Amino acid sequence: MPSVYVTLYGLFGGETNDVYFRGTIPITGKLTNLAIVRKVKSELGWSNIRCTTLDYGDSIELEPRGILQKAVIEVY
């Protein structure tokens, strides 16, 4: 079963500050970026929160609006 590695950071002044969560999340079904982002957002409780998504090729970065946190998703 494929899985992704997620690191959740706290932000202070726009810069990453503390690590709140590190772990793997299993992905079932398709391995598209949209499916990965939706699964991670549902696991983090961000399903109804708009996020800015940055795709770096080997990782995806999520920055939710109104929350001072950032998630970095690494697909392996």
PDB file of N, CA and C in Angstrom:
ATOM      1  N   MET A   1       0.844  -1.173   0.000  1.00  0.00           N
ATOM      2  CA  MET A   1       0.000   0.000   0.000  1.00  0.00           C
ATOM      3  C   MET A   1       0.894   1.242   0.000  1.00  0.00           C
ATOM      4  N   PRO A   2       0.716   2.116  -0.970  1.00  0.00           N
ATOM      5  CA  PRO A   2       1.531   3.334  -1.006  1.00  0.00           C
ATOM      6  C   PRO A   2       1.150   4.281   0.123  1.00  0.00           C
ATOM      7  N   SER A   3       2.124   5.042   0.561  1.00  0.00           N
ATOM      8  CA  SER A   3       1.877   6.006   1.624  1.00  0.00           C
ATOM      9  C   SER A   3       2.719   7.253   1.379  1.00  0.00           C
ATOM     10  N   VAL A   4       2.367   8.318   2.083  1.00  0.00           N
ATOM     11  CA  VAL A   4       3.107   9.574   1.982  1.00  0.00           C
ATOM     12  C   VAL A   4       3.619   9.940   3.369  1.00  0.00           C
ATOM     13  N   TYR A   5       4.711  10.654   3.409  1.00  0.00           N
ATOM     14  CA  TYR A   5       5.314  11.118   4.648  1.00  0.00           C
ATOM     15  C   TYR A   5       4.930  12.583   4.834  1.00  0.00           C
ATOM     16  N   VAL A   6       4.305  12.908   5.966  1.00  0.00           N
ATOM     17  CA  VAL A   6       3.800  14.256   6.214  1.00  0.00           C
ATOM     18  C   VAL A   6       4.509  14.847   7.420  1.00  0.00           C
ATOM     19  N   THR A   7       4.951  16.090   7.271  1.00  0.00           N
ATOM     20  CA  THR A   7       5.520  16.851   8.380  1.00  0.00           C
ATOM     21  C   THR A   7       4.697  18.119   8.529  1.00  0.00           C
ATOM     22  N   LEU A   8       4.171  18.346   9.724  1.00  0.00           N
ATOM     23  CA  LEU A   8       3.341  19.513  10.011  1.00  0.00           C
ATOM     24  C   LEU A   8       4.141  20.490  10.855  1.00  0.00           C
ATOM     25  N   TYR A   9       4.321  21.688  10.338  1.00  0.00           N
ATOM     26  CA  TYR A   9       5.101  22.728  11.018  1.00  0.00           C
ATOM     27  C   TYR A   9       4.188  23.830  11.520  1.00  0.00           C
ATOM     28  N   GLY A  10       4.598  24.480  12.599  1.00  0.00           N
ATOM     29  CA  GLY A  10       3.970  25.697  13.060  1.00  0.00           C
ATOM     30  C   GLY A  10       4.726  26.883  12.484  1.00  0.00           C
ATOM     31  N   LEU A  11       4.028  27.985  12.263  1.00  0.00           N
ATOM     32  CA  LEU A  11       4.646  29.178  11.689  1.00  0.00           C
ATOM     33  C   LEU A  11       4.708  30.288  12.733  1.00  0.00           C
ATOM     34  N   PHE A  12       5.774  31.060  12.681  1.00  0.00           N
ATOM     35  CA  PHE A  12       5.922  32.247  13.515  1.00  0.00           C
ATOM     36  C   PHE A  12       6.574  33.315  12.658  1.00  0.00           C
ATOM     37  N   GLY A  13       5.854  34.371  12.378  1.00  0.00           N
ATOM     38  CA  GLY A  13       6.380  35.435  11.529  1.00  0.00           C
ATOM     39  C   GLY A  13       6.596  34.984  10.090  1.00  0.00           C
ATOM     40  N   GLY A  14       5.840  34.005   9.639  1.00  0.00           N
ATOM     41  CA  GLY A  14       5.971  33.509   8.281  1.00  0.00           C
ATOM     42  C   GLY A  14       7.048  32.450   8.093  1.00  0.00           C
ATOM     43  N   GLU A  15       7.833  32.201   9.108  1.00  0.00           N
ATOM     44  CA  GLU A  15       8.898  31.198   9.048  1.00  0.00           C
ATOM     45  C   GLU A  15       8.496  29.963   9.840  1.00  0.00           C
ATOM     46  N   THR A  16       9.010  28.798   9.426  1.00  0.00           N
ATOM     47  CA  THR A  16       8.699  27.572  10.160  1.00  0.00           C
ATOM     48  C   THR A  16       9.350  27.614  11.537  1.00  0.00           C
ATOM     49  N   ASN A  17       8.595  27.154  12.533  1.00  0.00           N
ATOM     50  CA  ASN A  17       9.053  27.266  13.902  1.00  0.00           C
ATOM     51  C   ASN A  17       9.195  25.891  14.565  1.00  0.00           C
ATOM     52  N   ASP A  18       8.097  25.220  14.819  1.00  0.00           N
ATOM     53  CA  ASP A  18       8.113  23.942  15.534  1.00  0.00           C
ATOM     54  C   ASP A  18       7.518  22.844  14.665  1.00  0.00           C
ATOM     55  N   VAL A  19       7.905  21.625  14.943  1.00  0.00           N
ATOM     56  CA  VAL A  19       7.313  20.464  14.272  1.00  0.00           C
ATOM     57  C   VAL A  19       6.212  19.926  15.183  1.00  0.00           C
ATOM     58  N   TYR A  20       4.979  19.869  14.664  1.00  0.00           N
ATOM     59  CA  TYR A  20       3.849  19.368  15.440  1.00  0.00           C
ATOM     60  C   TYR A  20       3.574  17.896  15.183  1.00  0.00           C
ATOM     61  N   PHE A  21       3.829  17.435  13.978  1.00  0.00           N
ATOM     62  CA  PHE A  21       3.477  16.059  13.627  1.00  0.00           C
ATOM     63  C   PHE A  21       4.414  15.571  12.537  1.00  0.00           C
ATOM     64  N   ARG A  22       4.856  14.350  12.676  1.00  0.00           N
ATOM     65  CA  ARG A  22       5.606  13.656  11.632  1.00  0.00           C
ATOM     66  C   ARG A  22       5.061  12.253  11.552  1.00  0.00           C
ATOM     67  N   GLY A  23       4.770  11.810  10.356  1.00  0.00           N
ATOM     68  CA  GLY A  23       4.267  10.453  10.231  1.00  0.00           C
ATOM     69  C   GLY A  23       3.884  10.124   8.812  1.00  0.00           C
ATOM     70  N   THR A  24       3.431   8.894   8.627  1.00  0.00           N
ATOM     71  CA  THR A  24       3.020   8.440   7.308  1.00  0.00           C
ATOM     72  C   THR A  24       1.511   8.304   7.273  1.00  0.00           C
ATOM     73  N   ILE A  25       0.949   8.562   6.098  1.00  0.00           N
ATOM     74  CA  ILE A  25      -0.479   8.417   5.872  1.00  0.00           C
ATOM     75  C   ILE A  25      -0.644   7.506   4.670  1.00  0.00           C
ATOM     76  N   PRO A  26      -1.350   6.377   4.815  1.00  0.00           N
ATOM     77  CA  PRO A  26      -1.545   5.484   3.667  1.00  0.00           C
ATOM     78  C   PRO A  26      -2.529   6.078   2.670  1.00  0.00           C
ATOM     79  N   ILE A  27      -2.245   5.893   1.397  1.00  0.00           N
ATOM     80  CA  ILE A  27      -3.093   6.396   0.320  1.00  0.00           C
ATOM     81  C   ILE A  27      -3.673   5.198  -0.415  1.00  0.00           C
ATOM     82  N   THR A  28      -4.991   5.135  -0.486  1.00  0.00           N
ATOM     83  CA  THR A  28      -5.645   4.079  -1.247  1.00  0.00           C
ATOM     84  C   THR A  28      -6.207   4.680  -2.523  1.00  0.00           C
ATOM     85  N   GLY A  29      -6.225   3.925  -3.571  1.00  0.00           N
ATOM     86  CA  GLY A  29      -6.750   4.419  -4.839  1.00  0.00           C
ATOM     87  C   GLY A  29      -5.665   5.049  -5.684  1.00  0.00           C
ATOM     88  N   LYS A  30      -6.028   6.115  -6.385  1.00  0.00           N
ATOM     89  CA  LYS A  30      -5.111   6.783  -7.301  1.00  0.00           C
ATOM     90  C   LYS A  30      -4.032   7.552  -6.551  1.00  0.00           C
ATOM     91  N   LEU A  31      -2.871   7.692  -7.190  1.00  0.00           N
ATOM     92  CA  LEU A  31      -1.771   8.462  -6.607  1.00  0.00           C
ATOM     93  C   LEU A  31      -1.592   9.791  -7.333  1.00  0.00           C
ATOM     94  N   THR A  32      -2.688  10.479  -7.619  1.00  0.00           N
ATOM     95  CA  THR A  32      -2.585  11.798  -8.226  1.00  0.00           C
ATOM     96  C   THR A  32      -2.350  12.827  -7.119  1.00  0.00           C
ATOM     97  N   ASN A  33      -1.864  13.996  -7.518  1.00  0.00           N
ATOM     98  CA  ASN A  33      -1.616  15.045  -6.520  1.00  0.00           C
ATOM     99  C   ASN A  33      -2.902  15.454  -5.823  1.00  0.00           C
ATOM    100  N   LEU A  34      -4.007  15.534  -6.571  1.00  0.00           N
ATOM    101  CA  LEU A  34      -5.276  15.926  -5.978  1.00  0.00           C
ATOM    102  C   LEU A  34      -5.745  14.903  -4.946  1.00  0.00           C
ATOM    103  N   ALA A  35      -5.618  13.619  -5.250  1.00  0.00           N
ATOM    104  CA  ALA A  35      -6.020  12.574  -4.308  1.00  0.00           C
ATOM    105  C   ALA A  35      -5.151  12.590  -3.061  1.00  0.00           C
ATOM    106  N   ILE A  36      -3.864  12.823  -3.230  1.00  0.00           N
ATOM    107  CA  ILE A  36      -2.946  12.892  -2.080  1.00  0.00           C
ATOM    108  C   ILE A  36      -3.278  14.077  -1.194  1.00  0.00           C
ATOM    109  N   VAL A  37      -3.503  15.242  -1.798  1.00  0.00           N
ATOM    110  CA  VAL A  37      -3.807  16.451  -1.032  1.00  0.00           C
ATOM    111  C   VAL A  37      -5.131  16.287  -0.290  1.00  0.00           C
ATOM    112  N   ARG A  38      -6.146  15.725  -0.946  1.00  0.00           N
ATOM    113  CA  ARG A  38      -7.438  15.523  -0.284  1.00  0.00           C
ATOM    114  C   ARG A  38      -7.328  14.572   0.901  1.00  0.00           C
ATOM    115  N   LYS A  39      -6.576  13.500   0.756  1.00  0.00           N
ATOM    116  CA  LYS A  39      -6.415  12.531   1.847  1.00  0.00           C
ATOM    117  C   LYS A  39      -5.671  13.154   3.025  1.00  0.00           C
ATOM    118  N   VAL A  40      -4.601  13.887   2.742  1.00  0.00           N
ATOM    119  CA  VAL A  40      -3.829  14.518   3.822  1.00  0.00           C
ATOM    120  C   VAL A  40      -4.661  15.588   4.519  1.00  0.00           C
ATOM    121  N   LYS A  41      -5.410  16.384   3.749  1.00  0.00           N
ATOM    122  CA  LYS A  41      -6.259  17.407   4.356  1.00  0.00           C
ATOM    123  C   LYS A  41      -7.317  16.787   5.255  1.00  0.00           C
ATOM    124  N   SER A  42      -7.884  15.659   4.844  1.00  0.00           N
ATOM    125  CA  SER A  42      -8.897  15.015   5.689  1.00  0.00           C
ATOM    126  C   SER A  42      -8.274  14.438   6.957  1.00  0.00           C
ATOM    127  N   GLU A  43      -7.057  13.901   6.875  1.00  0.00           N
ATOM    128  CA  GLU A  43      -6.375  13.367   8.052  1.00  0.00           C
ATOM    129  C   GLU A  43      -5.981  14.465   9.038  1.00  0.00           C
ATOM    130  N   LEU A  44      -5.638  15.651   8.518  1.00  0.00           N
ATOM    131  CA  LEU A  44      -5.232  16.764   9.381  1.00  0.00           C
ATOM    132  C   LEU A  44      -6.412  17.589   9.883  1.00  0.00           C
ATOM    133  N   GLY A  45      -7.615  17.324   9.366  1.00  0.00           N
ATOM    134  CA  GLY A  45      -8.790  18.089   9.773  1.00  0.00           C
ATOM    135  C   GLY A  45      -8.935  19.402   9.038  1.00  0.00           C
ATOM    136  N   TRP A  46      -8.343  19.502   7.859  1.00  0.00           N
ATOM    137  CA  TRP A  46      -8.392  20.721   7.062  1.00  0.00           C
ATOM    138  C   TRP A  46      -9.320  20.582   5.858  1.00  0.00           C
ATOM    139  N   SER A  47     -10.298  19.703   5.900  1.00  0.00           N
ATOM    140  CA  SER A  47     -11.120  19.413   4.722  1.00  0.00           C
ATOM    141  C   SER A  47     -11.875  20.633   4.203  1.00  0.00           C
ATOM    142  N   ASN A  48     -12.393  21.471   5.071  1.00  0.00           N
ATOM    143  CA  ASN A  48     -13.178  22.626   4.637  1.00  0.00           C
ATOM    144  C   ASN A  48     -12.400  23.925   4.720  1.00  0.00           C
ATOM    145  N   ILE A  49     -11.083  23.851   4.708  1.00  0.00           N
ATOM    146  CA  ILE A  49     -10.232  25.036   4.794  1.00  0.00           C
ATOM    147  C   ILE A  49      -9.484  25.188   3.475  1.00  0.00           C
ATOM    148  N   ARG A  50      -9.516  26.387   2.914  1.00  0.00           N
ATOM    149  CA  ARG A  50      -8.775  26.645   1.684  1.00  0.00           C
ATOM    150  C   ARG A  50      -7.281  26.648   1.972  1.00  0.00           C
ATOM    151  N   CYS A  51      -6.532  26.045   1.054  1.00  0.00           N
ATOM    152  CA  CYS A  51      -5.082  25.953   1.219  1.00  0.00           C
ATOM    153  C   CYS A  51      -4.386  26.416  -0.049  1.00  0.00           C
ATOM    154  N   THR A  52      -3.240  27.016   0.122  1.00  0.00           N
ATOM    155  CA  THR A  52      -2.350  27.308  -0.982  1.00  0.00           C
ATOM    156  C   THR A  52      -1.458  26.093  -1.161  1.00  0.00           C
ATOM    157  N   THR A  53      -1.448  25.545  -2.381  1.00  0.00           N
ATOM    158  CA  THR A  53      -0.693  24.328  -2.663  1.00  0.00           C
ATOM    159  C   THR A  53       0.485  24.666  -3.562  1.00  0.00           C
ATOM    160  N   LEU A  54       1.669  24.293  -3.140  1.00  0.00           N
ATOM    161  CA  LEU A  54       2.876  24.482  -3.935  1.00  0.00           C
ATOM    162  C   LEU A  54       3.454  23.115  -4.259  1.00  0.00           C
ATOM    163  N   ASP A  55       3.650  22.827  -5.545  1.00  0.00           N
ATOM    164  CA  ASP A  55       4.163  21.532  -5.983  1.00  0.00           C
ATOM    165  C   ASP A  55       5.617  21.703  -6.393  1.00  0.00           C
ATOM    166  N   TYR A  56       6.514  21.013  -5.692  1.00  0.00           N
ATOM    167  CA  TYR A  56       7.942  21.084  -5.975  1.00  0.00           C
ATOM    168  C   TYR A  56       8.465  19.861  -6.715  1.00  0.00           C
ATOM    169  N   GLY A  57       7.571  19.001  -7.178  1.00  0.00           N
ATOM    170  CA  GLY A  57       7.986  17.811  -7.896  1.00  0.00           C
ATOM    171  C   GLY A  57       8.098  16.612  -6.990  1.00  0.00           C
ATOM    172  N   ASP A  58       9.001  16.652  -6.026  1.00  0.00           N
ATOM    173  CA  ASP A  58       9.159  15.531  -5.098  1.00  0.00           C
ATOM    174  C   ASP A  58       8.403  15.751  -3.796  1.00  0.00           C
ATOM    175  N   SER A  59       7.898  16.956  -3.573  1.00  0.00           N
ATOM    176  CA  SER A  59       7.118  17.239  -2.374  1.00  0.00           C
ATOM    177  C   SER A  59       6.019  18.249  -2.705  1.00  0.00           C
ATOM    178  N   ILE A  60       4.991  18.231  -1.869  1.00  0.00           N
ATOM    179  CA  ILE A  60       3.863  19.155  -1.995  1.00  0.00           C
ATOM    180  C   ILE A  60       3.755  19.903  -0.676  1.00  0.00           C
ATOM    181  N   GLU A  61       3.575  21.217  -0.753  1.00  0.00           N
ATOM    182  CA  GLU A  61       3.485  22.046   0.443  1.00  0.00           C
ATOM    183  C   GLU A  61       2.076  22.628   0.534  1.00  0.00           C
ATOM    184  N   LEU A  62       1.437  22.481   1.684  1.00  0.00           N
ATOM    185  CA  LEU A  62       0.104  23.021   1.929  1.00  0.00           C
ATOM    186  C   LEU A  62       0.185  24.107   2.982  1.00  0.00           C
ATOM    187  N   GLU A  63      -0.382  25.272   2.675  1.00  0.00           N
ATOM    188  CA  GLU A  63      -0.457  26.364   3.644  1.00  0.00           C
ATOM    189  C   GLU A  63      -1.919  26.772   3.769  1.00  0.00           C
ATOM    190  N   PRO A  64      -2.592  26.391   4.868  1.00  0.00           N
ATOM    191  CA  PRO A  64      -4.001  26.746   5.029  1.00  0.00           C
ATOM    192  C   PRO A  64      -4.159  28.225   5.371  1.00  0.00           C
ATOM    193  N   ARG A  65      -5.261  28.787   4.926  1.00  0.00           N
ATOM    194  CA  ARG A  65      -5.542  30.187   5.221  1.00  0.00           C
ATOM    195  C   ARG A  65      -6.162  30.298   6.610  1.00  0.00           C
ATOM    196  N   GLY A  66      -5.661  31.206   7.411  1.00  0.00           N
ATOM    197  CA  GLY A  66      -6.199  31.442   8.737  1.00  0.00           C
ATOM    198  C   GLY A  66      -5.609  30.577   9.834  1.00  0.00           C
ATOM    199  N   ILE A  67      -4.724  29.658   9.483  1.00  0.00           N
ATOM    200  CA  ILE A  67      -4.074  28.798  10.481  1.00  0.00           C
ATOM    201  C   ILE A  67      -2.568  28.972  10.320  1.00  0.00           C
ATOM    202  N   LEU A  68      -1.864  29.155  11.397  1.00  0.00           N
ATOM    203  CA  LEU A  68      -0.423  29.355  11.332  1.00  0.00           C
ATOM    204  C   LEU A  68       0.307  28.019  11.366  1.00  0.00           C
ATOM    205  N   GLN A  69       0.019  27.206  10.352  1.00  0.00           N
ATOM    206  CA  GLN A  69       0.669  25.914  10.202  1.00  0.00           C
ATOM    207  C   GLN A  69       0.969  25.687   8.729  1.00  0.00           C
ATOM    208  N   LYS A  70       1.861  24.746   8.466  1.00  0.00           N
ATOM    209  CA  LYS A  70       2.221  24.365   7.107  1.00  0.00           C
ATOM    210  C   LYS A  70       2.508  22.881   7.099  1.00  0.00           C
ATOM    211  N   ALA A  71       2.028  22.189   6.067  1.00  0.00           N
ATOM    212  CA  ALA A  71       2.271  20.755   5.934  1.00  0.00           C
ATOM    213  C   ALA A  71       3.125  20.511   4.700  1.00  0.00           C
ATOM    214  N   VAL A  72       4.138  19.672   4.838  1.00  0.00           N
ATOM    215  CA  VAL A  72       4.991  19.271   3.722  1.00  0.00           C
ATOM    216  C   VAL A  72       4.747  17.779   3.508  1.00  0.00           C
ATOM    217  N   ILE A  73       4.329  17.442   2.281  1.00  0.00           N
ATOM    218  CA  ILE A  73       4.004  16.057   1.931  1.00  0.00           C
ATOM    219  C   ILE A  73       5.079  15.539   1.001  1.00  0.00           C
ATOM    220  N   GLU A  74       5.686  14.421   1.364  1.00  0.00           N
ATOM    221  CA  GLU A  74       6.702  13.786   0.522  1.00  0.00           C
ATOM    222  C   GLU A  74       6.190  12.431   0.089  1.00  0.00           C
ATOM    223  N   VAL A  75       6.140  12.221  -1.218  1.00  0.00           N
ATOM    224  CA  VAL A  75       5.653  10.963  -1.779  1.00  0.00           C
ATOM    225  C   VAL A  75       6.844  10.049  -2.001  1.00  0.00           C
ATOM    226  N   TYR A  76       6.749   8.823  -1.505  1.00  0.00           N
ATOM    227  CA  TYR A  76       7.847   7.860  -1.711  1.00  0.00           C
ATOM    228  C   TYR A  76       7.290   6.511  -2.055  1.00  0.00           C
TER     229      TYR A  76
END
